[in-house]
Amino acid sequence: MIVNSAIGFAQYAEFNFLSKTTHKWEKVDEGTQLQHYFVFENSGKNPLLINEALVSCSCTKVEFPQHPVLPQQKDSILVRFDTNQKYYNQDRIIKLKANTTKEQELRIKVFVIPKED
């Protein structure tokens, strides 16, 4: 029996981020809405399909391509962070589930200055 699939031939899609996978903003005041684009290229042999982005807090929103990213094609992932009711050092990890050989993580960091009452 011949298995004619990407997995059978060990061909996967592969994230190749064109900048760091950790983004750190300067200090911001509480209530600031932040956003950052993580730009990547599919350096694998098959179309890249992102299935899910896992976050630990509803303050972090992730928008990723809903379409297959073809080999050698570039695209981006938008991460938004709401600093409302967040104080001091904030550190969030985003876990991306995709058809790659390993799970990909992105990270955002910021120091939030609390509002004065």
PDB file of N, CA and C in Angstrom:
ATOM      1  N   MET A   1       0.836  -1.184   0.000  1.00  0.00           N
ATOM      2  CA  MET A   1       0.000   0.000   0.000  1.00  0.00           C
ATOM      3  C   MET A   1       0.883   1.252   0.000  1.00  0.00           C
ATOM      4  N   ILE A   2       0.592   2.160  -0.871  1.00  0.00           N
ATOM      5  CA  ILE A   2       1.344   3.406  -0.967  1.00  0.00           C
ATOM      6  C   ILE A   2       0.540   4.512  -0.305  1.00  0.00           C
ATOM      7  N   VAL A   3       1.199   5.228   0.586  1.00  0.00           N
ATOM      8  CA  VAL A   3       0.544   6.351   1.257  1.00  0.00           C
ATOM      9  C   VAL A   3       0.919   7.608   0.491  1.00  0.00           C
ATOM     10  N   ASN A   4      -0.058   8.225  -0.123  1.00  0.00           N
ATOM     11  CA  ASN A   4       0.189   9.419  -0.914  1.00  0.00           C
ATOM     12  C   ASN A   4      -0.322  10.638  -0.148  1.00  0.00           C
ATOM     13  N   SER A   5       0.422  11.018   0.851  1.00  0.00           N
ATOM     14  CA  SER A   5       0.053  12.201   1.636  1.00  0.00           C
ATOM     15  C   SER A   5       1.311  12.942   2.038  1.00  0.00           C
ATOM     16  N   ALA A   6       1.137  14.151   2.461  1.00  0.00           N
ATOM     17  CA  ALA A   6       2.282  14.950   2.905  1.00  0.00           C
ATOM     18  C   ALA A   6       2.950  14.300   4.104  1.00  0.00           C
ATOM     19  N   ILE A   7       2.163  13.730   5.006  1.00  0.00           N
ATOM     20  CA  ILE A   7       2.723  13.106   6.193  1.00  0.00           C
ATOM     21  C   ILE A   7       3.494  11.846   5.809  1.00  0.00           C
ATOM     22  N   GLY A   8       2.976  11.086   4.853  1.00  0.00           N
ATOM     23  CA  GLY A   8       3.649   9.875   4.406  1.00  0.00           C
ATOM     24  C   GLY A   8       5.035  10.160   3.861  1.00  0.00           C
ATOM     25  N   PHE A   9       5.212  11.276   3.227  1.00  0.00           N
ATOM     26  CA  PHE A   9       6.506  11.654   2.677  1.00  0.00           C
ATOM     27  C   PHE A   9       7.255  12.645   3.564  1.00  0.00           C
ATOM     28  N   ALA A  10       6.737  12.858   4.752  1.00  0.00           N
ATOM     29  CA  ALA A  10       7.352  13.759   5.731  1.00  0.00           C
ATOM     30  C   ALA A  10       7.553  15.161   5.161  1.00  0.00           C
ATOM     31  N   GLN A  11       6.579  15.637   4.408  1.00  0.00           N
ATOM     32  CA  GLN A  11       6.619  16.997   3.896  1.00  0.00           C
ATOM     33  C   GLN A  11       5.618  17.824   4.685  1.00  0.00           C
ATOM     34  N   TYR A  12       6.092  18.867   5.275  1.00  0.00           N
ATOM     35  CA  TYR A  12       5.250  19.707   6.112  1.00  0.00           C
ATOM     36  C   TYR A  12       5.375  21.157   5.667  1.00  0.00           C
ATOM     37  N   ALA A  13       4.494  21.944   6.203  1.00  0.00           N
ATOM     38  CA  ALA A  13       4.645  23.388   6.091  1.00  0.00           C
ATOM     39  C   ALA A  13       5.594  23.801   7.218  1.00  0.00           C
ATOM     40  N   GLU A  14       6.173  24.977   7.118  1.00  0.00           N
ATOM     41  CA  GLU A  14       7.126  25.403   8.146  1.00  0.00           C
ATOM     42  C   GLU A  14       7.080  26.920   8.285  1.00  0.00           C
ATOM     43  N   PHE A  15       6.903  27.384   9.538  1.00  0.00           N
ATOM     44  CA  PHE A  15       6.972  28.819   9.817  1.00  0.00           C
ATOM     45  C   PHE A  15       8.417  29.284   9.734  1.00  0.00           C
ATOM     46  N   ASN A  16       8.641  30.412   9.072  1.00  0.00           N
ATOM     47  CA  ASN A  16       9.931  31.081   9.085  1.00  0.00           C
ATOM     48  C   ASN A  16       9.626  32.555   9.344  1.00  0.00           C
ATOM     49  N   PHE A  17       9.714  32.969  10.617  1.00  0.00           N
ATOM     50  CA  PHE A  17       9.386  34.348  10.958  1.00  0.00           C
ATOM     51  C   PHE A  17      10.505  35.268  10.516  1.00  0.00           C
ATOM     52  N   LEU A  18      10.128  36.394   9.903  1.00  0.00           N
ATOM     53  CA  LEU A  18      11.093  37.315   9.313  1.00  0.00           C
ATOM     54  C   LEU A  18      11.635  38.306  10.337  1.00  0.00           C
ATOM     55  N   SER A  19      11.123  38.228  11.551  1.00  0.00           N
ATOM     56  CA  SER A  19      11.656  39.017  12.661  1.00  0.00           C
ATOM     57  C   SER A  19      11.548  38.139  13.908  1.00  0.00           C
ATOM     58  N   LYS A  20      11.845  38.685  15.045  1.00  0.00           N
ATOM     59  CA  LYS A  20      11.799  37.914  16.282  1.00  0.00           C
ATOM     60  C   LYS A  20      10.382  37.420  16.571  1.00  0.00           C
ATOM     61  N   THR A  21      10.284  36.312  17.285  1.00  0.00           N
ATOM     62  CA  THR A  21       8.978  35.774  17.669  1.00  0.00           C
ATOM     63  C   THR A  21       8.529  36.320  19.019  1.00  0.00           C
ATOM     64  N   THR A  22       9.342  37.191  19.608  1.00  0.00           N
ATOM     65  CA  THR A  22       8.955  37.916  20.822  1.00  0.00           C
ATOM     66  C   THR A  22       8.943  39.403  20.495  1.00  0.00           C
ATOM     67  N   HIS A  23       7.843  40.063  20.853  1.00  0.00           N
ATOM     68  CA  HIS A  23       7.754  41.513  20.639  1.00  0.00           C
ATOM     69  C   HIS A  23       7.553  42.193  21.988  1.00  0.00           C
ATOM     70  N   LYS A  24       8.380  43.209  22.263  1.00  0.00           N
ATOM     71  CA  LYS A  24       8.277  43.957  23.516  1.00  0.00           C
ATOM     72  C   LYS A  24       8.006  45.422  23.195  1.00  0.00           C
ATOM     73  N   TRP A  25       6.899  45.928  23.742  1.00  0.00           N
ATOM     74  CA  TRP A  25       6.573  47.335  23.592  1.00  0.00           C
ATOM     75  C   TRP A  25       7.253  48.142  24.693  1.00  0.00           C
ATOM     76  N   GLU A  26       7.377  49.442  24.465  1.00  0.00           N
ATOM     77  CA  GLU A  26       7.835  50.369  25.496  1.00  0.00           C
ATOM     78  C   GLU A  26       6.760  50.452  26.579  1.00  0.00           C
ATOM     79  N   LYS A  27       7.050  51.095  27.691  1.00  0.00           N
ATOM     80  CA  LYS A  27       6.056  51.285  28.756  1.00  0.00           C
ATOM     81  C   LYS A  27       4.851  52.039  28.202  1.00  0.00           C
ATOM     82  N   VAL A  28       3.652  51.603  28.625  1.00  0.00           N
ATOM     83  CA  VAL A  28       2.423  52.260  28.179  1.00  0.00           C
ATOM     84  C   VAL A  28       1.502  52.487  29.371  1.00  0.00           C
ATOM     85  N   ASP A  29       0.572  53.423  29.215  1.00  0.00           N
ATOM     86  CA  ASP A  29      -0.426  53.674  30.244  1.00  0.00           C
ATOM     87  C   ASP A  29      -1.535  52.637  30.148  1.00  0.00           C
ATOM     88  N   GLU A  30      -2.089  52.275  31.301  1.00  0.00           N
ATOM     89  CA  GLU A  30      -3.213  51.346  31.345  1.00  0.00           C
ATOM     90  C   GLU A  30      -4.331  51.864  30.442  1.00  0.00           C
ATOM     91  N   GLY A  31      -4.976  50.970  29.732  1.00  0.00           N
ATOM     92  CA  GLY A  31      -6.055  51.330  28.821  1.00  0.00           C
ATOM     93  C   GLY A  31      -5.619  51.434  27.370  1.00  0.00           C
ATOM     94  N   THR A  32      -4.308  51.430  27.132  1.00  0.00           N
ATOM     95  CA  THR A  32      -3.782  51.506  25.772  1.00  0.00           C
ATOM     96  C   THR A  32      -4.071  50.206  25.020  1.00  0.00           C
ATOM     97  N   GLN A  33      -4.494  50.351  23.781  1.00  0.00           N
ATOM     98  CA  GLN A  33      -4.727  49.189  22.909  1.00  0.00           C
ATOM     99  C   GLN A  33      -3.476  48.999  22.046  1.00  0.00           C
ATOM    100  N   LEU A  34      -2.856  47.847  22.142  1.00  0.00           N
ATOM    101  CA  LEU A  34      -1.619  47.581  21.409  1.00  0.00           C
ATOM    102  C   LEU A  34      -1.857  46.556  20.311  1.00  0.00           C
ATOM    103  N   GLN A  35      -1.051  46.638  19.270  1.00  0.00           N
ATOM    104  CA  GLN A  35      -1.112  45.620  18.231  1.00  0.00           C
ATOM    105  C   GLN A  35       0.258  45.466  17.586  1.00  0.00           C
ATOM    106  N   HIS A  36       0.512  44.239  17.117  1.00  0.00           N
ATOM    107  CA  HIS A  36       1.777  43.947  16.442  1.00  0.00           C
ATOM    108  C   HIS A  36       1.543  42.860  15.395  1.00  0.00           C
ATOM    109  N   TYR A  37       2.166  43.050  14.219  1.00  0.00           N
ATOM    110  CA  TYR A  37       2.114  42.041  13.159  1.00  0.00           C
ATOM    111  C   TYR A  37       3.391  41.209  13.197  1.00  0.00           C
ATOM    112  N   PHE A  38       3.237  39.894  13.283  1.00  0.00           N
ATOM    113  CA  PHE A  38       4.349  38.970  13.150  1.00  0.00           C
ATOM    114  C   PHE A  38       4.322  38.469  11.703  1.00  0.00           C
ATOM    115  N   VAL A  39       5.325  38.847  10.923  1.00  0.00           N
ATOM    116  CA  VAL A  39       5.388  38.472   9.512  1.00  0.00           C
ATOM    117  C   VAL A  39       6.185  37.174   9.376  1.00  0.00           C
ATOM    118  N   PHE A  40       5.651  36.262   8.564  1.00  0.00           N
ATOM    119  CA  PHE A  40       6.318  34.980   8.380  1.00  0.00           C
ATOM    120  C   PHE A  40       6.257  34.558   6.916  1.00  0.00           C
ATOM    121  N   GLU A  41       7.076  33.566   6.609  1.00  0.00           N
ATOM    122  CA  GLU A  41       7.065  32.932   5.298  1.00  0.00           C
ATOM    123  C   GLU A  41       6.894  31.432   5.516  1.00  0.00           C
ATOM    124  N   ASN A  42       6.170  30.792   4.642  1.00  0.00           N
ATOM    125  CA  ASN A  42       6.068  29.333   4.687  1.00  0.00           C
ATOM    126  C   ASN A  42       7.290  28.785   3.967  1.00  0.00           C
ATOM    127  N   SER A  43       8.253  28.268   4.727  1.00  0.00           N
ATOM    128  CA  SER A  43       9.476  27.738   4.122  1.00  0.00           C
ATOM    129  C   SER A  43       9.405  26.227   3.932  1.00  0.00           C
ATOM    130  N   GLY A  44       8.217  25.653   4.116  1.00  0.00           N
ATOM    131  CA  GLY A  44       8.036  24.219   3.930  1.00  0.00           C
ATOM    132  C   GLY A  44       7.678  23.863   2.505  1.00  0.00           C
ATOM    133  N   LYS A  45       7.333  22.608   2.315  1.00  0.00           N
ATOM    134  CA  LYS A  45       7.025  22.080   0.977  1.00  0.00           C
ATOM    135  C   LYS A  45       5.523  22.054   0.685  1.00  0.00           C
ATOM    136  N   ASN A  46       4.695  22.198   1.731  1.00  0.00           N
ATOM    137  CA  ASN A  46       3.242  22.133   1.576  1.00  0.00           C
ATOM    138  C   ASN A  46       2.598  23.428   2.030  1.00  0.00           C
ATOM    139  N   PRO A  47       1.353  23.687   1.601  1.00  0.00           N
ATOM    140  CA  PRO A  47       0.632  24.864   2.095  1.00  0.00           C
ATOM    141  C   PRO A  47       0.523  24.829   3.617  1.00  0.00           C
ATOM    142  N   LEU A  48       0.694  25.981   4.231  1.00  0.00           N
ATOM    143  CA  LEU A  48       0.623  26.122   5.685  1.00  0.00           C
ATOM    144  C   LEU A  48      -0.808  26.448   6.082  1.00  0.00           C
ATOM    145  N   LEU A  49      -1.360  25.638   6.978  1.00  0.00           N
ATOM    146  CA  LEU A  49      -2.721  25.830   7.462  1.00  0.00           C
ATOM    147  C   LEU A  49      -2.676  26.054   8.967  1.00  0.00           C
ATOM    148  N   ILE A  50      -3.017  27.254   9.394  1.00  0.00           N
ATOM    149  CA  ILE A  50      -3.080  27.546  10.829  1.00  0.00           C
ATOM    150  C   ILE A  50      -4.495  27.216  11.285  1.00  0.00           C
ATOM    151  N   ASN A  51      -4.589  26.329  12.258  1.00  0.00           N
ATOM    152  CA  ASN A  51      -5.891  25.867  12.736  1.00  0.00           C
ATOM    153  C   ASN A  51      -6.400  26.647  13.936  1.00  0.00           C
ATOM    154  N   GLU A  52      -5.462  27.088  14.795  1.00  0.00           N
ATOM    155  CA  GLU A  52      -5.882  27.659  16.068  1.00  0.00           C
ATOM    156  C   GLU A  52      -4.750  28.478  16.670  1.00  0.00           C
ATOM    157  N   ALA A  53      -5.126  29.495  17.434  1.00  0.00           N
ATOM    158  CA  ALA A  53      -4.173  30.286  18.212  1.00  0.00           C
ATOM    159  C   ALA A  53      -4.663  30.263  19.657  1.00  0.00           C
ATOM    160  N   LEU A  54      -3.861  29.678  20.542  1.00  0.00           N
ATOM    161  CA  LEU A  54      -4.245  29.549  21.942  1.00  0.00           C
ATOM    162  C   LEU A  54      -3.615  30.666  22.767  1.00  0.00           C
ATOM    163  N   VAL A  55      -4.453  31.334  23.574  1.00  0.00           N
ATOM    164  CA  VAL A  55      -3.993  32.401  24.461  1.00  0.00           C
ATOM    165  C   VAL A  55      -4.544  32.145  25.856  1.00  0.00           C
ATOM    166  N   SER A  56      -3.886  32.703  26.860  1.00  0.00           N
ATOM    167  CA  SER A  56      -4.305  32.441  28.237  1.00  0.00           C
ATOM    168  C   SER A  56      -5.244  33.498  28.803  1.00  0.00           C
ATOM    169  N   CYS A  57      -5.481  34.562  28.048  1.00  0.00           N
ATOM    170  CA  CYS A  57      -6.269  35.678  28.580  1.00  0.00           C
ATOM    171  C   CYS A  57      -7.113  36.285  27.465  1.00  0.00           C
ATOM    172  N   SER A  58      -8.326  36.669  27.786  1.00  0.00           N
ATOM    173  CA  SER A  58      -9.199  37.289  26.779  1.00  0.00           C
ATOM    174  C   SER A  58      -8.707  38.681  26.377  1.00  0.00           C
ATOM    175  N   CYS A  59      -7.702  39.198  27.084  1.00  0.00           N
ATOM    176  CA  CYS A  59      -7.118  40.493  26.739  1.00  0.00           C
ATOM    177  C   CYS A  59      -6.251  40.404  25.480  1.00  0.00           C
ATOM    178  N   THR A  60      -5.948  39.188  25.052  1.00  0.00           N
ATOM    179  CA  THR A  60      -5.103  38.964  23.884  1.00  0.00           C
ATOM    180  C   THR A  60      -5.943  38.360  22.766  1.00  0.00           C
ATOM    181  N   LYS A  61      -5.956  39.024  21.633  1.00  0.00           N
ATOM    182  CA  LYS A  61      -6.706  38.561  20.456  1.00  0.00           C
ATOM    183  C   LYS A  61      -5.712  38.302  19.330  1.00  0.00           C
ATOM    184  N   VAL A  62      -5.957  37.248  18.574  1.00  0.00           N
ATOM    185  CA  VAL A  62      -5.053  36.866  17.492  1.00  0.00           C
ATOM    186  C   VAL A  62      -5.847  36.698  16.203  1.00  0.00           C
ATOM    187  N   GLU A  63      -5.351  37.316  15.139  1.00  0.00           N
ATOM    188  CA  GLU A  63      -5.935  37.142  13.808  1.00  0.00           C
ATOM    189  C   GLU A  63      -4.874  36.509  12.919  1.00  0.00           C
ATOM    190  N   PHE A  64      -5.201  35.355  12.347  1.00  0.00           N
ATOM    191  CA  PHE A  64      -4.256  34.653  11.486  1.00  0.00           C
ATOM    192  C   PHE A  64      -4.925  34.321  10.162  1.00  0.00           C
ATOM    193  N   PRO A  65      -4.131  34.037   9.129  1.00  0.00           N
ATOM    194  CA  PRO A  65      -4.720  33.732   7.815  1.00  0.00           C
ATOM    195  C   PRO A  65      -5.660  32.531   7.899  1.00  0.00           C
ATOM    196  N   GLN A  66      -6.830  32.679   7.309  1.00  0.00           N
ATOM    197  CA  GLN A  66      -7.811  31.598   7.261  1.00  0.00           C
ATOM    198  C   GLN A  66      -7.641  30.767   5.991  1.00  0.00           C
ATOM    199  N   HIS A  67      -6.760  31.201   5.128  1.00  0.00           N
ATOM    200  CA  HIS A  67      -6.496  30.521   3.863  1.00  0.00           C
ATOM    201  C   HIS A  67      -5.146  29.800   3.941  1.00  0.00           C
ATOM    202  N   PRO A  68      -4.923  28.814   3.080  1.00  0.00           N
ATOM    203  CA  PRO A  68      -3.601  28.169   3.043  1.00  0.00           C
ATOM    204  C   PRO A  68      -2.537  29.166   2.584  1.00  0.00           C
ATOM    205  N   VAL A  69      -1.408  29.172   3.274  1.00  0.00           N
ATOM    206  CA  VAL A  69      -0.271  30.004   2.879  1.00  0.00           C
ATOM    207  C   VAL A  69       0.656  29.089   2.080  1.00  0.00           C
ATOM    208  N   LEU A  70       0.795  29.358   0.808  1.00  0.00           N
ATOM    209  CA  LEU A  70       1.554  28.492  -0.089  1.00  0.00           C
ATOM    210  C   LEU A  70       3.049  28.520   0.222  1.00  0.00           C
ATOM    211  N   PRO A  71       3.773  27.478  -0.169  1.00  0.00           N
ATOM    212  CA  PRO A  71       5.224  27.477   0.038  1.00  0.00           C
ATOM    213  C   PRO A  71       5.868  28.728  -0.558  1.00  0.00           C
ATOM    214  N   GLN A  72       6.791  29.310   0.186  1.00  0.00           N
ATOM    215  CA  GLN A  72       7.525  30.532  -0.170  1.00  0.00           C
ATOM    216  C   GLN A  72       6.669  31.794  -0.138  1.00  0.00           C
ATOM    217  N   GLN A  73       5.405  31.686   0.251  1.00  0.00           N
ATOM    218  CA  GLN A  73       4.526  32.849   0.348  1.00  0.00           C
ATOM    219  C   GLN A  73       4.658  33.473   1.738  1.00  0.00           C
ATOM    220  N   LYS A  74       4.548  34.805   1.797  1.00  0.00           N
ATOM    221  CA  LYS A  74       4.602  35.541   3.061  1.00  0.00           C
ATOM    222  C   LYS A  74       3.191  35.930   3.488  1.00  0.00           C
ATOM    223  N   ASP A  75       3.010  36.016   4.797  1.00  0.00           N
ATOM    224  CA  ASP A  75       1.744  36.473   5.366  1.00  0.00           C
ATOM    225  C   ASP A  75       2.046  36.975   6.771  1.00  0.00           C
ATOM    226  N   SER A  76       1.005  37.288   7.541  1.00  0.00           N
ATOM    227  CA  SER A  76       1.245  37.810   8.882  1.00  0.00           C
ATOM    228  C   SER A  76       0.175  37.362   9.868  1.00  0.00           C
ATOM    229  N   ILE A  77       0.535  37.472  11.132  1.00  0.00           N
ATOM    230  CA  ILE A  77      -0.364  37.181  12.233  1.00  0.00           C
ATOM    231  C   ILE A  77      -0.449  38.454  13.063  1.00  0.00           C
ATOM    232  N   LEU A  78      -1.667  38.930  13.282  1.00  0.00           N
ATOM    233  CA  LEU A  78      -1.890  40.147  14.057  1.00  0.00           C
ATOM    234  C   LEU A  78      -2.236  39.775  15.490  1.00  0.00           C
ATOM    235  N   VAL A  79      -1.493  40.345  16.436  1.00  0.00           N
ATOM    236  CA  VAL A  79      -1.774  40.142  17.854  1.00  0.00           C
ATOM    237  C   VAL A  79      -2.167  41.489  18.450  1.00  0.00           C
ATOM    238  N   ARG A  80      -3.322  41.501  19.102  1.00  0.00           N
ATOM    239  CA  ARG A  80      -3.816  42.707  19.783  1.00  0.00           C
ATOM    240  C   ARG A  80      -3.812  42.443  21.286  1.00  0.00           C
ATOM    241  N   PHE A  81      -3.406  43.460  22.055  1.00  0.00           N
ATOM    242  CA  PHE A  81      -3.378  43.322  23.506  1.00  0.00           C
ATOM    243  C   PHE A  81      -4.057  44.527  24.132  1.00  0.00           C
ATOM    244  N   ASP A  82      -5.060  44.271  24.971  1.00  0.00           N
ATOM    245  CA  ASP A  82      -5.820  45.306  25.660  1.00  0.00           C
ATOM    246  C   ASP A  82      -5.251  45.453  27.064  1.00  0.00           C
ATOM    247  N   THR A  83      -4.685  46.609  27.378  1.00  0.00           N
ATOM    248  CA  THR A  83      -4.051  46.817  28.684  1.00  0.00           C
ATOM    249  C   THR A  83      -5.028  47.285  29.765  1.00  0.00           C
ATOM    250  N   ASN A  84      -6.312  47.386  29.431  1.00  0.00           N
ATOM    251  CA  ASN A  84      -7.293  47.810  30.423  1.00  0.00           C
ATOM    252  C   ASN A  84      -7.301  46.830  31.600  1.00  0.00           C
ATOM    253  N   GLN A  85      -7.161  47.344  32.811  1.00  0.00           N
ATOM    254  CA  GLN A  85      -7.112  46.571  34.051  1.00  0.00           C
ATOM    255  C   GLN A  85      -5.932  45.601  34.100  1.00  0.00           C
ATOM    256  N   LYS A  86      -4.864  45.936  33.383  1.00  0.00           N
ATOM    257  CA  LYS A  86      -3.607  45.183  33.442  1.00  0.00           C
ATOM    258  C   LYS A  86      -2.560  46.119  34.035  1.00  0.00           C
ATOM    259  N   TYR A  87      -1.710  45.569  34.904  1.00  0.00           N
ATOM    260  CA  TYR A  87      -0.757  46.410  35.623  1.00  0.00           C
ATOM    261  C   TYR A  87       0.641  45.806  35.600  1.00  0.00           C
ATOM    262  N   TYR A  88       1.628  46.679  35.483  1.00  0.00           N
ATOM    263  CA  TYR A  88       3.045  46.324  35.584  1.00  0.00           C
ATOM    264  C   TYR A  88       3.466  45.378  34.462  1.00  0.00           C
ATOM    265  N   ASN A  89       4.350  44.427  34.745  1.00  0.00           N
ATOM    266  CA  ASN A  89       4.868  43.542  33.693  1.00  0.00           C
ATOM    267  C   ASN A  89       3.801  42.578  33.194  1.00  0.00           C
ATOM    268  N   GLN A  90       3.595  42.601  31.891  1.00  0.00           N
ATOM    269  CA  GLN A  90       2.657  41.687  31.246  1.00  0.00           C
ATOM    270  C   GLN A  90       3.443  40.857  30.234  1.00  0.00           C
ATOM    271  N   ASP A  91       3.209  39.569  30.257  1.00  0.00           N
ATOM    272  CA  ASP A  91       3.943  38.633  29.404  1.00  0.00           C
ATOM    273  C   ASP A  91       2.959  37.572  28.930  1.00  0.00           C
ATOM    274  N   ARG A  92       2.706  37.510  27.628  1.00  0.00           N
ATOM    275  CA  ARG A  92       1.727  36.573  27.085  1.00  0.00           C
ATOM    276  C   ARG A  92       2.369  35.705  26.006  1.00  0.00           C
ATOM    277  N   ILE A  93       1.996  34.439  26.017  1.00  0.00           N
ATOM    278  CA  ILE A  93       2.461  33.490  25.002  1.00  0.00           C
ATOM    279  C   ILE A  93       1.261  33.070  24.155  1.00  0.00           C
ATOM    280  N   ILE A  94       1.468  33.057  22.851  1.00  0.00           N
ATOM    281  CA  ILE A  94       0.455  32.617  21.902  1.00  0.00           C
ATOM    282  C   ILE A  94       0.972  31.321  21.280  1.00  0.00           C
ATOM    283  N   LYS A  95       0.200  30.250  21.386  1.00  0.00           N
ATOM    284  CA  LYS A  95       0.590  28.973  20.798  1.00  0.00           C
ATOM    285  C   LYS A  95      -0.216  28.770  19.518  1.00  0.00           C
ATOM    286  N   LEU A  96       0.507  28.571  18.426  1.00  0.00           N
ATOM    287  CA  LEU A  96      -0.127  28.376  17.131  1.00  0.00           C
ATOM    288  C   LEU A  96      -0.180  26.894  16.793  1.00  0.00           C
ATOM    289  N   LYS A  97      -1.362  26.430  16.458  1.00  0.00           N
ATOM    290  CA  LYS A  97      -1.555  25.044  16.020  1.00  0.00           C
ATOM    291  C   LYS A  97      -1.669  25.067  14.505  1.00  0.00           C
ATOM    292  N   ALA A  98      -0.791  24.319  13.836  1.00  0.00           N
ATOM    293  CA  ALA A  98      -0.772  24.304  12.377  1.00  0.00           C
ATOM    294  C   ALA A  98      -0.232  22.961  11.897  1.00  0.00           C
ATOM    295  N   ASN A  99      -0.220  22.780  10.597  1.00  0.00           N
ATOM    296  CA  ASN A  99       0.298  21.545  10.014  1.00  0.00           C
ATOM    297  C   ASN A  99       1.820  21.616   9.844  1.00  0.00           C
ATOM    298  N   THR A 100       2.493  21.837  10.944  1.00  0.00           N
ATOM    299  CA  THR A 100       3.952  21.914  10.975  1.00  0.00           C
ATOM    300  C   THR A 100       4.491  20.788  11.847  1.00  0.00           C
ATOM    301  N   THR A 101       5.792  20.591  11.811  1.00  0.00           N
ATOM    302  CA  THR A 101       6.393  19.507  12.596  1.00  0.00           C
ATOM    303  C   THR A 101       6.401  19.807  14.085  1.00  0.00           C
ATOM    304  N   LYS A 102       6.359  21.088  14.445  1.00  0.00           N
ATOM    305  CA  LYS A 102       6.339  21.447  15.857  1.00  0.00           C
ATOM    306  C   LYS A 102       5.416  22.640  16.080  1.00  0.00           C
ATOM    307  N   GLU A 103       4.957  22.760  17.321  1.00  0.00           N
ATOM    308  CA  GLU A 103       4.103  23.892  17.684  1.00  0.00           C
ATOM    309  C   GLU A 103       4.933  25.169  17.688  1.00  0.00           C
ATOM    310  N   GLN A 104       4.358  26.238  17.182  1.00  0.00           N
ATOM    311  CA  GLN A 104       5.044  27.530  17.133  1.00  0.00           C
ATOM    312  C   GLN A 104       4.499  28.435  18.225  1.00  0.00           C
ATOM    313  N   GLU A 105       5.393  29.145  18.908  1.00  0.00           N
ATOM    314  CA  GLU A 105       4.977  30.095  19.939  1.00  0.00           C
ATOM    315  C   GLU A 105       5.410  31.505  19.569  1.00  0.00           C
ATOM    316  N   LEU A 106       4.524  32.447  19.854  1.00  0.00           N
ATOM    317  CA  LEU A 106       4.826  33.872  19.758  1.00  0.00           C
ATOM    318  C   LEU A 106       4.692  34.427  21.159  1.00  0.00           C
ATOM    319  N   ARG A 107       5.366  35.546  21.429  1.00  0.00           N
ATOM    320  CA  ARG A 107       5.325  36.117  22.778  1.00  0.00           C
ATOM    321  C   ARG A 107       5.264  37.637  22.686  1.00  0.00           C
ATOM    322  N   ILE A 108       4.451  38.227  23.566  1.00  0.00           N
ATOM    323  CA  ILE A 108       4.390  39.681  23.657  1.00  0.00           C
ATOM    324  C   ILE A 108       4.648  40.095  25.101  1.00  0.00           C
ATOM    325  N   LYS A 109       5.317  41.245  25.269  1.00  0.00           N
ATOM    326  CA  LYS A 109       5.651  41.754  26.597  1.00  0.00           C
ATOM    327  C   LYS A 109       5.446  43.264  26.616  1.00  0.00           C
ATOM    328  N   VAL A 110       5.017  43.755  27.788  1.00  0.00           N
ATOM    329  CA  VAL A 110       4.863  45.189  27.963  1.00  0.00           C
ATOM    330  C   VAL A 110       4.784  45.503  29.456  1.00  0.00           C
ATOM    331  N   PHE A 111       5.246  46.675  29.824  1.00  0.00           N
ATOM    332  CA  PHE A 111       5.072  47.185  31.191  1.00  0.00           C
ATOM    333  C   PHE A 111       3.956  48.196  31.147  1.00  0.00           C
ATOM    334  N   VAL A 112       2.891  47.957  31.958  1.00  0.00           N
ATOM    335  CA  VAL A 112       1.705  48.815  31.958  1.00  0.00           C
ATOM    336  C   VAL A 112       1.714  49.669  33.223  1.00  0.00           C
ATOM    337  N   ILE A 113       1.639  50.985  33.014  1.00  0.00           N
ATOM    338  CA  ILE A 113       1.606  51.936  34.138  1.00  0.00           C
ATOM    339  C   ILE A 113       0.135  52.109  34.572  1.00  0.00           C
ATOM    340  N   PRO A 114      -0.190  51.738  35.815  1.00  0.00           N
ATOM    341  CA  PRO A 114      -1.584  51.836  36.273  1.00  0.00           C
ATOM    342  C   PRO A 114      -2.095  53.281  36.271  1.00  0.00           C
ATOM    343  N   LYS A 115      -3.403  53.407  36.024  1.00  0.00           N
ATOM    344  CA  LYS A 115      -4.044  54.724  36.111  1.00  0.00           C
ATOM    345  C   LYS A 115      -4.053  55.169  37.556  1.00  0.00           C
ATOM    346  N   GLU A 116      -3.912  56.469  37.742  1.00  0.00           N
ATOM    347  CA  GLU A 116      -4.030  57.028  39.083  1.00  0.00           C
ATOM    348  C   GLU A 116      -5.478  57.402  39.330  1.00  0.00           C
ATOM    349  N   ASP A 117      -5.972  57.069  40.520  1.00  0.00           N
ATOM    350  CA  ASP A 117      -7.369  57.384  40.854  1.00  0.00           C
ATOM    351  C   ASP A 117      -7.548  58.814  41.285  1.00  0.00           C
TER     352      ASP A 117
END
